[in-house]
Amino acid sequence: MKNRLCSIRSFTFAAGYAIQLLCLNLAQAQESRWATADDPTAKALIDWERQWAEAGCTHNGIEKTILAEDFLGTSPHGSLYTKQESLTPTPREKPEEACTLYEVKVHFFGDSMAILYGSESAIHIEANGRRHRVKLTWTDTWLKRDGAWQVVAAQDMPREIR
């Protein structure tokens, strides 16, 4: 009887301890913070965002690196697109000029998730030669997997600047 009582107490203690650890992990995952100006991870994420914003001008191929295989984005036109669709050139694509990244804010959620809020602009050149500046305001969700940061979701909202 005493052994059975000790077994029940041990099980109860172990179960209680496991629940506490689980709750601690869940609480930690919910902690958030805004990045400081000198945060090295935030600086790296912003640099990748800059390269992505410049991709229409430089054709640097950064999407291959920063977009996760399960990435899903919402285009400026409202349609959904995958990483593969992002990498596939379309006949409608025209060159861009003066690609510029503006201010970016980084909000971390734990150590492996960040949401970046920012905006960028580029001069779009239409087939008839007309040029117009388009500004995108966006939200990108970054996730750190196996030690590497990648974008898993993006949402872009366009605004033509006249």
C-alpha atoms as a PDB file:
ATOM      1  CA  MET A   1       0.000   0.000   0.000  1.00  0.00           C
ATOM      2  CA  LYS A   2       2.841   2.364   0.886  1.00  0.00           C
ATOM      3  CA  ASN A   3       4.567   1.716  -2.493  1.00  0.00           C
ATOM      4  CA  ARG A   4       1.317   2.393  -4.339  1.00  0.00           C
ATOM      5  CA  LEU A   5       0.837   5.655  -2.415  1.00  0.00           C
ATOM      6  CA  CYS A   6       4.420   6.693  -3.234  1.00  0.00           C
ATOM      7  CA  SER A   7       3.817   5.858  -6.905  1.00  0.00           C
ATOM      8  CA  ILE A   8       0.651   7.974  -6.974  1.00  0.00           C
ATOM      9  CA  ARG A   9       2.444  10.873  -5.277  1.00  0.00           C
ATOM     10  CA  SER A  10       5.388  10.568  -7.686  1.00  0.00           C
ATOM     11  CA  PHE A  11       3.039  10.510 -10.674  1.00  0.00           C
ATOM     12  CA  THR A  12       1.077  13.485  -9.340  1.00  0.00           C
ATOM     13  CA  PHE A  13       4.288  15.422  -8.736  1.00  0.00           C
ATOM     14  CA  ALA A  14       5.652  14.561 -12.206  1.00  0.00           C
ATOM     15  CA  ALA A  15       2.358  15.482 -13.888  1.00  0.00           C
ATOM     16  CA  GLY A  16       2.163  18.762 -11.983  1.00  0.00           C
ATOM     17  CA  TYR A  17       5.755  19.576 -12.873  1.00  0.00           C
ATOM     18  CA  ALA A  18       5.119  18.793 -16.561  1.00  0.00           C
ATOM     19  CA  ILE A  19       2.054  21.047 -16.573  1.00  0.00           C
ATOM     20  CA  GLN A  20       4.062  23.877 -14.996  1.00  0.00           C
ATOM     21  CA  LEU A  21       6.781  23.519 -17.634  1.00  0.00           C
ATOM     22  CA  LEU A  22       4.178  23.509 -20.402  1.00  0.00           C
ATOM     23  CA  CYS A  23       2.519  26.625 -18.994  1.00  0.00           C
ATOM     24  CA  LEU A  24       5.903  28.311 -18.667  1.00  0.00           C
ATOM     25  CA  ASN A  25       6.712  27.543 -22.320  1.00  0.00           C
ATOM     26  CA  LEU A  26       3.309  28.812 -23.487  1.00  0.00           C
ATOM     27  CA  ALA A  27       3.662  31.982 -21.438  1.00  0.00           C
ATOM     28  CA  GLN A  28       7.159  32.554 -22.805  1.00  0.00           C
ATOM     29  CA  ALA A  29       5.952  32.087 -26.406  1.00  0.00           C
ATOM     30  CA  GLN A  30       3.419  34.852 -25.850  1.00  0.00           C
ATOM     31  CA  GLU A  31       5.966  37.402 -24.630  1.00  0.00           C
ATOM     32  CA  SER A  32       6.551  40.167 -27.116  1.00  0.00           C
ATOM     33  CA  ARG A  33       8.843  43.135 -27.515  1.00  0.00           C
ATOM     34  CA  TRP A  34       9.543  45.854 -30.029  1.00  0.00           C
ATOM     35  CA  ALA A  35      13.084  45.711 -31.377  1.00  0.00           C
ATOM     36  CA  THR A  36      15.545  48.368 -30.340  1.00  0.00           C
ATOM     37  CA  ALA A  37      17.542  50.260 -32.958  1.00  0.00           C
ATOM     38  CA  ASP A  38      20.697  48.282 -32.149  1.00  0.00           C
ATOM     39  CA  ASP A  39      19.129  44.783 -32.097  1.00  0.00           C
ATOM     40  CA  PRO A  40      21.318  42.636 -34.410  1.00  0.00           C
ATOM     41  CA  THR A  41      18.501  40.257 -35.383  1.00  0.00           C
ATOM     42  CA  ALA A  42      16.189  43.150 -36.242  1.00  0.00           C
ATOM     43  CA  LYS A  43      18.964  44.743 -38.307  1.00  0.00           C
ATOM     44  CA  ALA A  44      19.436  41.504 -40.266  1.00  0.00           C
ATOM     45  CA  LEU A  45      15.689  41.136 -40.889  1.00  0.00           C
ATOM     46  CA  ILE A  46      15.440  44.761 -42.042  1.00  0.00           C
ATOM     47  CA  ASP A  47      18.404  44.247 -44.384  1.00  0.00           C
ATOM     48  CA  TRP A  48      16.654  41.236 -45.967  1.00  0.00           C
ATOM     49  CA  GLU A  49      13.509  43.345 -46.306  1.00  0.00           C
ATOM     50  CA  ARG A  50      15.595  46.045 -48.032  1.00  0.00           C
ATOM     51  CA  GLN A  51      16.969  43.472 -50.465  1.00  0.00           C
ATOM     52  CA  TRP A  52      13.437  42.219 -51.135  1.00  0.00           C
ATOM     53  CA  ALA A  53      12.177  45.782 -51.704  1.00  0.00           C
ATOM     54  CA  GLU A  54      15.045  46.341 -54.162  1.00  0.00           C
ATOM     55  CA  ALA A  55      14.530  43.035 -55.996  1.00  0.00           C
ATOM     56  CA  GLY A  56      12.310  44.662 -58.649  1.00  0.00           C
ATOM     57  CA  CYS A  57      15.230  46.941 -59.558  1.00  0.00           C
ATOM     58  CA  THR A  58      18.211  44.656 -58.937  1.00  0.00           C
ATOM     59  CA  HIS A  59      16.759  41.196 -59.726  1.00  0.00           C
ATOM     60  CA  ASN A  60      18.878  39.900 -56.828  1.00  0.00           C
ATOM     61  CA  GLY A  61      16.841  36.698 -56.338  1.00  0.00           C
ATOM     62  CA  ILE A  62      16.553  37.209 -52.569  1.00  0.00           C
ATOM     63  CA  GLU A  63      13.113  35.553 -52.599  1.00  0.00           C
ATOM     64  CA  LYS A  64      14.798  32.141 -53.052  1.00  0.00           C
ATOM     65  CA  THR A  65      16.490  32.587 -49.682  1.00  0.00           C
ATOM     66  CA  ILE A  66      14.021  34.473 -47.510  1.00  0.00           C
ATOM     67  CA  LEU A  67      10.678  32.922 -48.509  1.00  0.00           C
ATOM     68  CA  ALA A  68       9.822  29.692 -46.687  1.00  0.00           C
ATOM     69  CA  GLU A  69       8.682  26.718 -48.754  1.00  0.00           C
ATOM     70  CA  ASP A  70       5.225  27.022 -47.162  1.00  0.00           C
ATOM     71  CA  PHE A  71       5.084  30.812 -47.714  1.00  0.00           C
ATOM     72  CA  LEU A  72       1.750  32.345 -48.682  1.00  0.00           C
ATOM     73  CA  GLY A  73       1.409  36.019 -49.485  1.00  0.00           C
ATOM     74  CA  THR A  74      -1.356  38.434 -50.421  1.00  0.00           C
ATOM     75  CA  SER A  75      -0.359  40.474 -53.464  1.00  0.00           C
ATOM     76  CA  PRO A  76      -1.092  44.178 -53.921  1.00  0.00           C
ATOM     77  CA  HIS A  77      -3.964  43.093 -56.201  1.00  0.00           C
ATOM     78  CA  GLY A  78      -5.519  40.911 -53.479  1.00  0.00           C
ATOM     79  CA  SER A  79      -4.653  37.488 -54.883  1.00  0.00           C
ATOM     80  CA  LEU A  80      -2.732  34.863 -52.938  1.00  0.00           C
ATOM     81  CA  TYR A  81       0.676  33.679 -54.132  1.00  0.00           C
ATOM     82  CA  THR A  82       3.205  31.040 -53.085  1.00  0.00           C
ATOM     83  CA  LYS A  83       6.996  31.043 -53.051  1.00  0.00           C
ATOM     84  CA  GLN A  84       7.051  29.187 -56.368  1.00  0.00           C
ATOM     85  CA  GLU A  85       4.727  31.750 -57.954  1.00  0.00           C
ATOM     86  CA  SER A  86       6.931  34.540 -56.615  1.00  0.00           C
ATOM     87  CA  LEU A  87       9.964  32.983 -58.299  1.00  0.00           C
ATOM     88  CA  THR A  88       8.226  32.456 -61.653  1.00  0.00           C
ATOM     89  CA  PRO A  89       8.516  35.501 -63.925  1.00  0.00           C
ATOM     90  CA  THR A  90       5.310  36.651 -65.583  1.00  0.00           C
ATOM     91  CA  PRO A  91       5.079  38.268 -69.014  1.00  0.00           C
ATOM     92  CA  ARG A  92       3.347  41.283 -67.457  1.00  0.00           C
ATOM     93  CA  GLU A  93       6.350  42.094 -65.255  1.00  0.00           C
ATOM     94  CA  LYS A  94       7.966  45.353 -66.241  1.00  0.00           C
ATOM     95  CA  PRO A  95      11.221  46.774 -64.963  1.00  0.00           C
ATOM     96  CA  GLU A  96      11.158  49.005 -61.918  1.00  0.00           C
ATOM     97  CA  GLU A  97      13.330  51.939 -60.960  1.00  0.00           C
ATOM     98  CA  ALA A  98      14.184  53.784 -57.773  1.00  0.00           C
ATOM     99  CA  CYS A  99      13.236  50.931 -55.426  1.00  0.00           C
ATOM    100  CA  THR A 100      13.250  52.382 -51.914  1.00  0.00           C
ATOM    101  CA  LEU A 101      12.605  50.901 -48.486  1.00  0.00           C
ATOM    102  CA  TYR A 102      11.216  53.275 -45.858  1.00  0.00           C
ATOM    103  CA  GLU A 103      10.945  52.832 -42.095  1.00  0.00           C
ATOM    104  CA  VAL A 104      10.469  49.288 -40.793  1.00  0.00           C
ATOM    105  CA  LYS A 105       9.253  48.346 -37.305  1.00  0.00           C
ATOM    106  CA  VAL A 106      10.107  44.915 -35.875  1.00  0.00           C
ATOM    107  CA  HIS A 107       7.948  43.229 -33.243  1.00  0.00           C
ATOM    108  CA  PHE A 108       9.334  39.990 -31.783  1.00  0.00           C
ATOM    109  CA  PHE A 109       7.162  37.262 -30.276  1.00  0.00           C
ATOM    110  CA  GLY A 110       9.489  35.018 -28.325  1.00  0.00           C
ATOM    111  CA  ASP A 111      12.792  34.080 -29.959  1.00  0.00           C
ATOM    112  CA  SER A 112      11.490  32.560 -33.178  1.00  0.00           C
ATOM    113  CA  MET A 113       8.770  34.829 -34.562  1.00  0.00           C
ATOM    114  CA  ALA A 114       8.808  38.425 -35.737  1.00  0.00           C
ATOM    115  CA  ILE A 115       6.287  40.606 -37.502  1.00  0.00           C
ATOM    116  CA  LEU A 116       7.732  43.429 -39.561  1.00  0.00           C
ATOM    117  CA  TYR A 117       5.678  46.460 -40.535  1.00  0.00           C
ATOM    118  CA  GLY A 118       6.994  48.748 -43.240  1.00  0.00           C
ATOM    119  CA  SER A 119       6.636  50.451 -46.560  1.00  0.00           C
ATOM    120  CA  GLU A 120       8.513  50.800 -49.807  1.00  0.00           C
ATOM    121  CA  SER A 121       8.130  52.393 -53.197  1.00  0.00           C
ATOM    122  CA  ALA A 122       9.271  51.915 -56.771  1.00  0.00           C
ATOM    123  CA  ILE A 123       8.694  53.578 -60.105  1.00  0.00           C
ATOM    124  CA  HIS A 124       6.746  51.190 -62.321  1.00  0.00           C
ATOM    125  CA  ILE A 125       7.244  51.435 -66.070  1.00  0.00           C
ATOM    126  CA  GLU A 126       4.247  50.457 -68.176  1.00  0.00           C
ATOM    127  CA  ALA A 127       4.417  49.020 -71.709  1.00  0.00           C
ATOM    128  CA  ASN A 128       3.505  52.448 -73.158  1.00  0.00           C
ATOM    129  CA  GLY A 129       6.420  54.032 -71.277  1.00  0.00           C
ATOM    130  CA  ARG A 130       4.296  55.729 -68.627  1.00  0.00           C
ATOM    131  CA  ARG A 131       6.078  55.869 -65.287  1.00  0.00           C
ATOM    132  CA  HIS A 132       4.378  56.126 -61.946  1.00  0.00           C
ATOM    133  CA  ARG A 133       5.522  55.636 -58.377  1.00  0.00           C
ATOM    134  CA  VAL A 134       3.709  52.973 -56.399  1.00  0.00           C
ATOM    135  CA  LYS A 135       4.045  52.728 -52.647  1.00  0.00           C
ATOM    136  CA  LEU A 136       3.408  49.468 -50.765  1.00  0.00           C
ATOM    137  CA  THR A 137       2.601  49.348 -47.083  1.00  0.00           C
ATOM    138  CA  TRP A 138       3.135  45.817 -45.847  1.00  0.00           C
ATOM    139  CA  THR A 139       3.187  43.366 -42.979  1.00  0.00           C
ATOM    140  CA  ASP A 140       5.568  40.390 -43.168  1.00  0.00           C
ATOM    141  CA  THR A 141       5.643  37.487 -40.731  1.00  0.00           C
ATOM    142  CA  TRP A 142       9.066  35.939 -40.162  1.00  0.00           C
ATOM    143  CA  LEU A 143       9.658  32.583 -38.472  1.00  0.00           C
ATOM    144  CA  LYS A 144      12.947  31.113 -37.300  1.00  0.00           C
ATOM    145  CA  ARG A 145      13.192  27.418 -38.160  1.00  0.00           C
ATOM    146  CA  ASP A 146      16.299  25.274 -37.793  1.00  0.00           C
ATOM    147  CA  GLY A 147      18.291  28.418 -37.033  1.00  0.00           C
ATOM    148  CA  ALA A 148      17.225  30.315 -40.162  1.00  0.00           C
ATOM    149  CA  TRP A 149      14.787  33.230 -40.428  1.00  0.00           C
ATOM    150  CA  GLN A 150      12.292  33.105 -43.324  1.00  0.00           C
ATOM    151  CA  VAL A 151       9.110  34.887 -44.329  1.00  0.00           C
ATOM    152  CA  VAL A 152       6.051  32.637 -43.943  1.00  0.00           C
ATOM    153  CA  ALA A 153       3.369  35.244 -44.728  1.00  0.00           C
ATOM    154  CA  ALA A 154       3.160  38.675 -46.349  1.00  0.00           C
ATOM    155  CA  GLN A 155       0.388  41.187 -46.951  1.00  0.00           C
ATOM    156  CA  ASP A 156       0.858  44.145 -49.297  1.00  0.00           C
ATOM    157  CA  MET A 157      -1.382  47.171 -49.732  1.00  0.00           C
ATOM    158  CA  PRO A 158      -0.614  49.448 -52.689  1.00  0.00           C
ATOM    159  CA  ARG A 159      -1.066  53.153 -53.095  1.00  0.00           C
ATOM    160  CA  GLU A 160      -0.189  54.975 -56.272  1.00  0.00           C
ATOM    161  CA  ILE A 161       1.612  58.234 -55.642  1.00  0.00           C
ATOM    162  CA  ARG A 162       0.903  60.936 -58.180  1.00  0.00           C
END
